[in-house]
């Protein structure tokens, strides 16, 4: 696949993911019922009960996991086939942090959602992990290429 076409595919995948993420983070979802079922399952099946600390840890893990693909796709798109650099990682992470902060800002005005700086930090950690995975895969791919003279 050519570099321009690959970049277009990555951009399209990123935009579709971002659209789905926007719907997920802003739409009024009945997630409380699923949280109750999760804690009921972990309490009975695994012996873990609900605590406020565990609830915050689960929320942080979910936020990081949701933003990890965005970090991966964003970094892959910004580096456009070139080797990863601090510049591509910096631009990617800055833009994703702005998106995360924007989502939280919108959630301030939605009565069915709650905004949190901790969510932005969790989102940023997920984006860092995703961009790091892309950089790792790029380095592995570069090292596996045969030496050319």
N, C-alpha and C. Protein backbone atom coordinates (compact mmCIF):
# COMPACT_ATOMS: atom_id res chain seq x y z
N UNK A 1 0.86 -1.18 0.00
CA UNK A 1 0.00 0.00 0.00
C UNK A 1 0.90 1.24 0.00
N UNK A 2 0.58 2.18 -0.83
CA UNK A 2 1.40 3.40 -0.91
C UNK A 2 1.26 4.22 0.36
N UNK A 3 2.25 5.10 0.59
CA UNK A 3 2.26 5.91 1.79
C UNK A 3 1.07 6.84 1.91
N UNK A 4 0.66 7.44 0.79
CA UNK A 4 -0.47 8.37 0.80
C UNK A 4 -1.76 7.61 1.10
N UNK A 5 -1.91 6.45 0.48
CA UNK A 5 -3.13 5.66 0.70
C UNK A 5 -3.16 5.13 2.14
N UNK A 6 -2.02 4.68 2.64
CA UNK A 6 -1.96 4.18 4.02
C UNK A 6 -2.31 5.30 5.00
N UNK A 7 -1.82 6.48 4.74
CA UNK A 7 -2.11 7.61 5.63
C UNK A 7 -3.60 7.95 5.59
N UNK A 8 -4.21 7.84 4.42
CA UNK A 8 -5.66 8.07 4.30
C UNK A 8 -6.46 7.04 5.06
N UNK A 9 -6.04 5.78 5.01
CA UNK A 9 -6.72 4.72 5.74
C UNK A 9 -6.60 4.95 7.24
N UNK A 10 -5.41 5.32 7.70
CA UNK A 10 -5.21 5.60 9.12
C UNK A 10 -6.05 6.80 9.55
N UNK A 11 -6.10 7.83 8.72
CA UNK A 11 -6.91 9.01 9.04
C UNK A 11 -8.39 8.65 9.12
N UNK A 12 -8.87 7.84 8.18
CA UNK A 12 -10.28 7.44 8.19
C UNK A 12 -10.59 6.60 9.43
N UNK A 13 -9.71 5.67 9.77
CA UNK A 13 -9.92 4.85 10.97
C UNK A 13 -9.93 5.72 12.22
N UNK A 14 -9.03 6.68 12.27
CA UNK A 14 -8.98 7.58 13.42
C UNK A 14 -10.22 8.44 13.54
N UNK A 15 -10.72 8.93 12.43
CA UNK A 15 -11.92 9.78 12.46
C UNK A 15 -13.16 8.98 12.86
N UNK A 16 -13.27 7.75 12.35
CA UNK A 16 -14.39 6.90 12.73
C UNK A 16 -14.32 6.59 14.22
N UNK A 17 -13.13 6.28 14.72
CA UNK A 17 -12.95 5.99 16.14
C UNK A 17 -13.28 7.23 16.98
N UNK A 18 -12.81 8.39 16.54
CA UNK A 18 -13.06 9.63 17.27
C UNK A 18 -14.56 9.96 17.29
N UNK A 19 -15.26 9.72 16.21
CA UNK A 19 -16.70 9.94 16.17
C UNK A 19 -17.41 9.01 17.15
N UNK A 20 -17.05 7.74 17.14
CA UNK A 20 -17.63 6.79 18.09
C UNK A 20 -17.32 7.17 19.52
N UNK A 21 -16.10 7.62 19.75
CA UNK A 21 -15.69 8.04 21.09
C UNK A 21 -16.50 9.26 21.54
N UNK A 22 -16.71 10.19 20.63
CA UNK A 22 -17.51 11.37 20.96
C UNK A 22 -18.93 11.00 21.34
N UNK A 23 -19.51 10.08 20.60
CA UNK A 23 -20.86 9.63 20.92
C UNK A 23 -20.88 8.94 22.28
N UNK A 24 -19.90 8.08 22.52
CA UNK A 24 -19.83 7.35 23.78
C UNK A 24 -19.65 8.28 24.97
N UNK A 25 -18.82 9.30 24.82
CA UNK A 25 -18.50 10.17 25.95
C UNK A 25 -19.52 11.28 26.20
N UNK A 26 -20.36 11.57 25.23
CA UNK A 26 -21.29 12.68 25.39
C UNK A 26 -22.74 12.22 25.47
N UNK A 27 -23.05 11.08 24.89
CA UNK A 27 -24.44 10.60 24.87
C UNK A 27 -24.89 10.21 26.27
N UNK A 28 -26.19 10.37 26.55
CA UNK A 28 -26.71 9.92 27.85
C UNK A 28 -26.87 8.41 27.85
N UNK A 29 -25.95 7.72 28.49
CA UNK A 29 -25.98 6.26 28.53
C UNK A 29 -26.44 5.79 29.90
N UNK A 30 -27.08 4.65 29.94
CA UNK A 30 -27.52 4.06 31.20
C UNK A 30 -26.42 3.13 31.72
N UNK A 31 -25.26 3.73 32.02
CA UNK A 31 -24.11 2.93 32.41
C UNK A 31 -24.15 2.50 33.87
N UNK A 32 -24.94 3.18 34.68
CA UNK A 32 -25.00 2.86 36.11
C UNK A 32 -25.44 1.42 36.31
N UNK A 33 -26.40 0.97 35.53
CA UNK A 33 -26.87 -0.41 35.66
C UNK A 33 -25.74 -1.40 35.38
N UNK A 34 -24.90 -1.11 34.39
CA UNK A 34 -23.80 -2.00 34.07
C UNK A 34 -22.72 -1.94 35.13
N UNK A 35 -22.50 -0.77 35.71
CA UNK A 35 -21.55 -0.67 36.82
C UNK A 35 -22.01 -1.54 37.99
N UNK A 36 -23.31 -1.48 38.28
CA UNK A 36 -23.84 -2.30 39.37
C UNK A 36 -23.62 -3.78 39.10
N UNK A 37 -23.87 -4.19 37.87
CA UNK A 37 -23.67 -5.61 37.51
C UNK A 37 -22.19 -5.99 37.59
N UNK A 38 -21.31 -5.08 37.17
CA UNK A 38 -19.88 -5.36 37.24
C UNK A 38 -19.44 -5.59 38.68
N UNK A 39 -19.85 -4.70 39.58
CA UNK A 39 -19.44 -4.83 40.98
C UNK A 39 -20.11 -6.02 41.64
N UNK A 40 -21.32 -6.36 41.22
CA UNK A 40 -21.97 -7.54 41.74
C UNK A 40 -21.20 -8.80 41.31
N UNK A 41 -20.79 -8.85 40.06
CA UNK A 41 -20.01 -9.98 39.56
C UNK A 41 -18.66 -10.09 40.27
N UNK A 42 -17.94 -8.97 40.38
CA UNK A 42 -16.62 -9.04 41.01
C UNK A 42 -16.73 -9.34 42.50
N UNK A 43 -17.81 -8.88 43.12
CA UNK A 43 -18.00 -9.16 44.54
C UNK A 43 -18.30 -10.63 44.80
N UNK A 44 -19.18 -11.19 44.00
CA UNK A 44 -19.57 -12.60 44.19
C UNK A 44 -18.57 -13.56 43.57
N UNK A 45 -18.20 -13.28 42.33
CA UNK A 45 -17.36 -14.22 41.60
C UNK A 45 -15.88 -14.15 41.96
N UNK A 46 -15.38 -12.97 42.24
CA UNK A 46 -13.95 -12.80 42.47
C UNK A 46 -13.61 -12.43 43.91
N UNK A 47 -14.61 -12.18 44.71
CA UNK A 47 -14.35 -11.80 46.09
C UNK A 47 -13.95 -10.35 46.27
N UNK A 48 -14.11 -9.53 45.24
CA UNK A 48 -13.80 -8.10 45.34
C UNK A 48 -15.09 -7.32 45.49
N UNK A 49 -15.21 -6.55 46.50
CA UNK A 49 -16.40 -5.73 46.67
C UNK A 49 -16.18 -4.34 46.12
N UNK A 50 -17.25 -3.58 46.05
CA UNK A 50 -17.17 -2.21 45.58
C UNK A 50 -16.55 -1.34 46.66
N UNK A 51 -15.60 -0.53 46.27
CA UNK A 51 -15.07 0.54 47.11
C UNK A 51 -14.90 1.75 46.21
N UNK A 52 -14.85 2.91 46.81
CA UNK A 52 -14.67 4.13 46.01
C UNK A 52 -13.34 4.11 45.28
N UNK A 53 -12.29 3.59 45.92
CA UNK A 53 -10.98 3.51 45.28
C UNK A 53 -10.99 2.59 44.07
N UNK A 54 -11.66 1.46 44.20
CA UNK A 54 -11.75 0.53 43.06
C UNK A 54 -12.58 1.12 41.93
N UNK A 55 -13.60 1.86 42.28
CA UNK A 55 -14.42 2.52 41.26
C UNK A 55 -13.57 3.53 40.48
N UNK A 56 -12.77 4.33 41.18
CA UNK A 56 -11.90 5.30 40.51
C UNK A 56 -10.84 4.60 39.66
N UNK A 57 -10.30 3.49 40.16
CA UNK A 57 -9.29 2.75 39.39
C UNK A 57 -9.89 2.16 38.13
N UNK A 58 -11.11 1.63 38.23
CA UNK A 58 -11.79 1.09 37.05
C UNK A 58 -12.06 2.20 36.04
N UNK A 59 -12.53 3.33 36.51
CA UNK A 59 -12.80 4.47 35.64
C UNK A 59 -11.53 4.92 34.92
N UNK A 60 -10.43 5.01 35.66
CA UNK A 60 -9.15 5.42 35.05
C UNK A 60 -8.69 4.40 34.02
N UNK A 61 -8.83 3.11 34.33
CA UNK A 61 -8.40 2.07 33.39
C UNK A 61 -9.24 2.09 32.11
N UNK A 62 -10.54 2.29 32.27
CA UNK A 62 -11.41 2.35 31.09
C UNK A 62 -11.07 3.56 30.24
N UNK A 63 -10.87 4.72 30.87
CA UNK A 63 -10.50 5.92 30.11
C UNK A 63 -9.19 5.73 29.36
N UNK A 64 -8.19 5.15 30.02
CA UNK A 64 -6.90 4.91 29.36
C UNK A 64 -7.07 3.94 28.19
N UNK A 65 -7.84 2.88 28.39
CA UNK A 65 -8.04 1.89 27.32
C UNK A 65 -8.78 2.49 26.13
N UNK A 66 -9.71 3.40 26.39
CA UNK A 66 -10.48 4.02 25.30
C UNK A 66 -9.60 4.96 24.48
N UNK A 67 -8.65 5.64 25.10
CA UNK A 67 -7.81 6.60 24.38
C UNK A 67 -6.54 5.97 23.82
N UNK A 68 -6.24 4.73 24.15
CA UNK A 68 -5.04 4.07 23.63
C UNK A 68 -5.06 3.94 22.10
N UNK A 69 -6.16 3.47 21.50
CA UNK A 69 -6.18 3.40 20.02
C UNK A 69 -6.03 4.77 19.36
N UNK A 70 -6.57 5.79 20.00
CA UNK A 70 -6.44 7.14 19.45
C UNK A 70 -4.98 7.59 19.44
N UNK A 71 -4.24 7.27 20.51
CA UNK A 71 -2.81 7.58 20.55
C UNK A 71 -2.04 6.82 19.49
N UNK A 72 -2.39 5.55 19.31
CA UNK A 72 -1.73 4.72 18.31
C UNK A 72 -1.98 5.26 16.91
N UNK A 73 -3.26 5.47 16.57
CA UNK A 73 -3.60 5.95 15.22
C UNK A 73 -3.10 7.37 14.98
N UNK A 74 -3.20 8.21 16.00
CA UNK A 74 -2.72 9.59 15.84
C UNK A 74 -1.23 9.66 15.59
N UNK A 75 -0.47 8.87 16.34
CA UNK A 75 0.98 8.87 16.15
C UNK A 75 1.36 8.28 14.79
N UNK A 76 0.67 7.23 14.41
CA UNK A 76 0.95 6.60 13.11
C UNK A 76 0.66 7.60 11.98
N UNK A 77 -0.41 8.37 12.12
CA UNK A 77 -0.76 9.34 11.09
C UNK A 77 0.25 10.48 11.05
N UNK A 78 0.64 11.01 12.20
CA UNK A 78 1.56 12.16 12.23
C UNK A 78 2.94 11.80 11.71
N UNK A 79 3.41 10.60 11.99
CA UNK A 79 4.75 10.26 11.52
C UNK A 79 4.75 9.87 10.04
N UNK A 80 3.61 9.54 9.49
CA UNK A 80 3.42 9.31 8.04
C UNK A 80 4.48 8.41 7.43
N UNK A 81 4.77 7.30 8.07
CA UNK A 81 5.73 6.35 7.53
C UNK A 81 7.17 6.64 7.88
N UNK A 82 7.45 7.81 8.41
CA UNK A 82 8.82 8.12 8.81
C UNK A 82 9.10 7.50 10.18
N UNK A 83 10.36 7.42 10.57
CA UNK A 83 10.65 6.87 11.90
C UNK A 83 10.04 7.75 12.99
N UNK A 84 9.65 7.15 14.11
CA UNK A 84 9.07 7.95 15.19
C UNK A 84 10.08 8.93 15.77
N UNK A 85 9.57 10.05 16.25
CA UNK A 85 10.44 11.05 16.86
C UNK A 85 9.71 11.69 18.02
N UNK A 86 10.45 12.43 18.83
CA UNK A 86 9.82 13.15 19.93
C UNK A 86 8.85 14.19 19.39
N UNK A 87 9.14 14.75 18.22
CA UNK A 87 8.25 15.76 17.64
C UNK A 87 6.90 15.16 17.27
N UNK A 88 6.89 14.01 16.60
CA UNK A 88 5.62 13.38 16.23
C UNK A 88 4.85 12.95 17.47
N UNK A 89 5.56 12.44 18.46
CA UNK A 89 4.89 12.04 19.71
C UNK A 89 4.32 13.27 20.43
N UNK A 90 5.09 14.35 20.46
CA UNK A 90 4.64 15.56 21.14
C UNK A 90 3.40 16.16 20.51
N UNK A 91 3.39 16.24 19.19
CA UNK A 91 2.22 16.80 18.48
C UNK A 91 1.01 15.91 18.72
N UNK A 92 1.20 14.60 18.59
CA UNK A 92 0.10 13.66 18.78
C UNK A 92 -0.50 13.80 20.18
N UNK A 93 0.36 13.77 21.18
CA UNK A 93 -0.13 13.81 22.55
C UNK A 93 -0.74 15.15 22.92
N UNK A 94 -0.20 16.22 22.38
CA UNK A 94 -0.77 17.54 22.64
C UNK A 94 -2.19 17.62 22.07
N UNK A 95 -2.36 17.18 20.85
CA UNK A 95 -3.69 17.23 20.23
C UNK A 95 -4.69 16.33 20.95
N UNK A 96 -4.25 15.15 21.35
CA UNK A 96 -5.16 14.24 22.05
C UNK A 96 -5.53 14.80 23.42
N UNK A 97 -4.59 15.42 24.10
CA UNK A 97 -4.91 16.05 25.39
C UNK A 97 -5.90 17.20 25.21
N UNK A 98 -5.78 17.95 24.13
CA UNK A 98 -6.75 19.01 23.84
C UNK A 98 -8.14 18.43 23.56
N UNK A 99 -8.18 17.31 22.83
CA UNK A 99 -9.46 16.64 22.58
C UNK A 99 -10.07 16.16 23.89
N UNK A 100 -9.25 15.52 24.74
CA UNK A 100 -9.73 15.02 26.03
C UNK A 100 -10.25 16.16 26.90
N UNK A 101 -9.51 17.26 26.94
CA UNK A 101 -9.95 18.42 27.73
C UNK A 101 -11.23 19.01 27.15
N UNK A 102 -11.34 19.03 25.82
CA UNK A 102 -12.56 19.52 25.19
C UNK A 102 -13.77 18.66 25.52
N UNK A 103 -13.58 17.35 25.52
CA UNK A 103 -14.67 16.45 25.87
C UNK A 103 -15.11 16.70 27.32
N UNK A 104 -14.15 16.85 28.21
CA UNK A 104 -14.49 17.12 29.62
C UNK A 104 -15.17 18.48 29.76
N UNK A 105 -14.75 19.46 28.99
CA UNK A 105 -15.38 20.78 29.02
C UNK A 105 -16.84 20.68 28.59
N UNK A 106 -17.11 19.93 27.54
CA UNK A 106 -18.49 19.74 27.08
C UNK A 106 -19.30 19.03 28.17
N UNK A 107 -18.68 18.06 28.85
CA UNK A 107 -19.41 17.30 29.87
C UNK A 107 -19.81 18.16 31.07
N UNK A 108 -19.14 19.28 31.28
CA UNK A 108 -19.54 20.20 32.36
C UNK A 108 -20.98 20.66 32.16
N UNK A 109 -21.39 20.84 30.91
CA UNK A 109 -22.70 21.39 30.59
C UNK A 109 -23.77 20.31 30.36
N UNK A 110 -23.42 19.05 30.51
CA UNK A 110 -24.38 17.96 30.32
C UNK A 110 -24.77 17.39 31.68
N UNK A 111 -26.03 17.49 32.05
CA UNK A 111 -26.43 17.06 33.39
C UNK A 111 -26.25 15.56 33.63
N UNK A 112 -26.23 14.75 32.59
CA UNK A 112 -26.09 13.31 32.77
C UNK A 112 -24.63 12.84 32.77
N UNK A 113 -23.69 13.76 32.62
CA UNK A 113 -22.26 13.42 32.61
C UNK A 113 -21.55 14.22 33.70
N UNK A 114 -20.36 13.78 34.05
CA UNK A 114 -19.56 14.54 35.01
C UNK A 114 -18.17 14.74 34.43
N UNK A 115 -17.61 15.91 34.66
CA UNK A 115 -16.28 16.24 34.14
C UNK A 115 -15.25 16.07 35.24
N UNK A 116 -14.02 15.73 34.83
CA UNK A 116 -12.97 15.49 35.82
C UNK A 116 -11.60 15.70 35.18
N UNK A 117 -10.72 16.36 35.91
CA UNK A 117 -9.34 16.50 35.47
C UNK A 117 -8.65 15.13 35.48
N UNK A 118 -9.04 14.27 36.43
CA UNK A 118 -8.48 12.92 36.50
C UNK A 118 -8.77 12.15 35.21
N UNK A 119 -9.93 12.39 34.60
CA UNK A 119 -10.26 11.73 33.33
C UNK A 119 -9.30 12.19 32.22
N UNK A 120 -8.98 13.47 32.19
CA UNK A 120 -8.04 13.97 31.18
C UNK A 120 -6.67 13.31 31.37
N UNK A 121 -6.24 13.17 32.61
CA UNK A 121 -4.96 12.52 32.88
C UNK A 121 -4.98 11.05 32.48
N UNK A 122 -6.08 10.37 32.76
CA UNK A 122 -6.21 8.96 32.35
C UNK A 122 -6.23 8.84 30.83
N UNK A 123 -6.93 9.75 30.18
CA UNK A 123 -6.96 9.76 28.71
C UNK A 123 -5.55 9.97 28.16
N UNK A 124 -4.82 10.88 28.76
CA UNK A 124 -3.45 11.16 28.32
C UNK A 124 -2.55 9.94 28.51
N UNK A 125 -2.72 9.23 29.61
CA UNK A 125 -1.91 8.02 29.83
C UNK A 125 -2.21 6.96 28.78
N UNK A 126 -3.48 6.82 28.41
CA UNK A 126 -3.83 5.88 27.35
C UNK A 126 -3.24 6.30 26.02
N UNK A 127 -3.27 7.60 25.73
CA UNK A 127 -2.69 8.11 24.48
C UNK A 127 -1.18 7.88 24.44
N UNK A 128 -0.52 8.08 25.58
CA UNK A 128 0.93 7.84 25.66
C UNK A 128 1.22 6.36 25.38
N UNK A 129 0.42 5.48 25.97
CA UNK A 129 0.62 4.04 25.74
C UNK A 129 0.41 3.69 24.27
N UNK A 130 -0.62 4.25 23.65
CA UNK A 130 -0.88 3.98 22.23
C UNK A 130 0.22 4.50 21.33
N UNK A 131 0.66 5.73 21.56
CA UNK A 131 1.76 6.30 20.76
C UNK A 131 3.04 5.51 20.99
N UNK A 132 3.26 5.08 22.22
CA UNK A 132 4.45 4.26 22.51
C UNK A 132 4.41 2.93 21.79
N UNK A 133 3.23 2.33 21.70
CA UNK A 133 3.11 1.06 20.96
C UNK A 133 3.41 1.27 19.48
N UNK A 134 2.90 2.35 18.92
CA UNK A 134 3.20 2.62 17.51
C UNK A 134 4.69 2.84 17.31
N UNK A 135 5.32 3.58 18.20
CA UNK A 135 6.77 3.81 18.09
C UNK A 135 7.54 2.50 18.22
N UNK A 136 7.12 1.65 19.14
CA UNK A 136 7.77 0.35 19.31
C UNK A 136 7.64 -0.49 18.05
N UNK A 137 6.43 -0.58 17.51
CA UNK A 137 6.23 -1.35 16.28
C UNK A 137 7.04 -0.77 15.12
N UNK A 138 7.13 0.55 15.04
CA UNK A 138 7.91 1.18 13.97
C UNK A 138 9.39 0.83 14.11
N UNK A 139 9.91 0.87 15.34
CA UNK A 139 11.32 0.52 15.55
C UNK A 139 11.58 -0.94 15.21
N UNK A 140 10.67 -1.82 15.57
CA UNK A 140 10.81 -3.24 15.24
C UNK A 140 10.81 -3.42 13.73
N UNK A 141 9.91 -2.74 13.04
CA UNK A 141 9.84 -2.84 11.58
C UNK A 141 11.10 -2.30 10.92
N UNK A 142 11.64 -1.20 11.45
CA UNK A 142 12.86 -0.63 10.88
C UNK A 142 14.05 -1.55 11.08
N UNK A 143 14.14 -2.19 12.24
CA UNK A 143 15.26 -3.08 12.52
C UNK A 143 15.18 -4.37 11.73
N UNK A 144 13.96 -4.78 11.36
CA UNK A 144 13.81 -6.04 10.63
C UNK A 144 14.03 -5.90 9.12
N UNK A 145 14.16 -4.66 8.64
CA UNK A 145 14.43 -4.46 7.21
C UNK A 145 15.86 -4.89 6.90
N UNK A 146 16.05 -5.50 5.75
CA UNK A 146 17.42 -5.88 5.38
C UNK A 146 18.28 -4.65 5.14
N UNK A 147 19.53 -4.79 5.43
CA UNK A 147 20.48 -3.69 5.26
C UNK A 147 20.65 -3.41 3.78
N UNK A 148 20.48 -2.16 3.38
CA UNK A 148 20.62 -1.76 1.97
C UNK A 148 21.82 -0.86 1.80
N UNK A 149 22.54 -1.07 0.74
CA UNK A 149 23.73 -0.23 0.45
C UNK A 149 23.47 0.66 -0.72
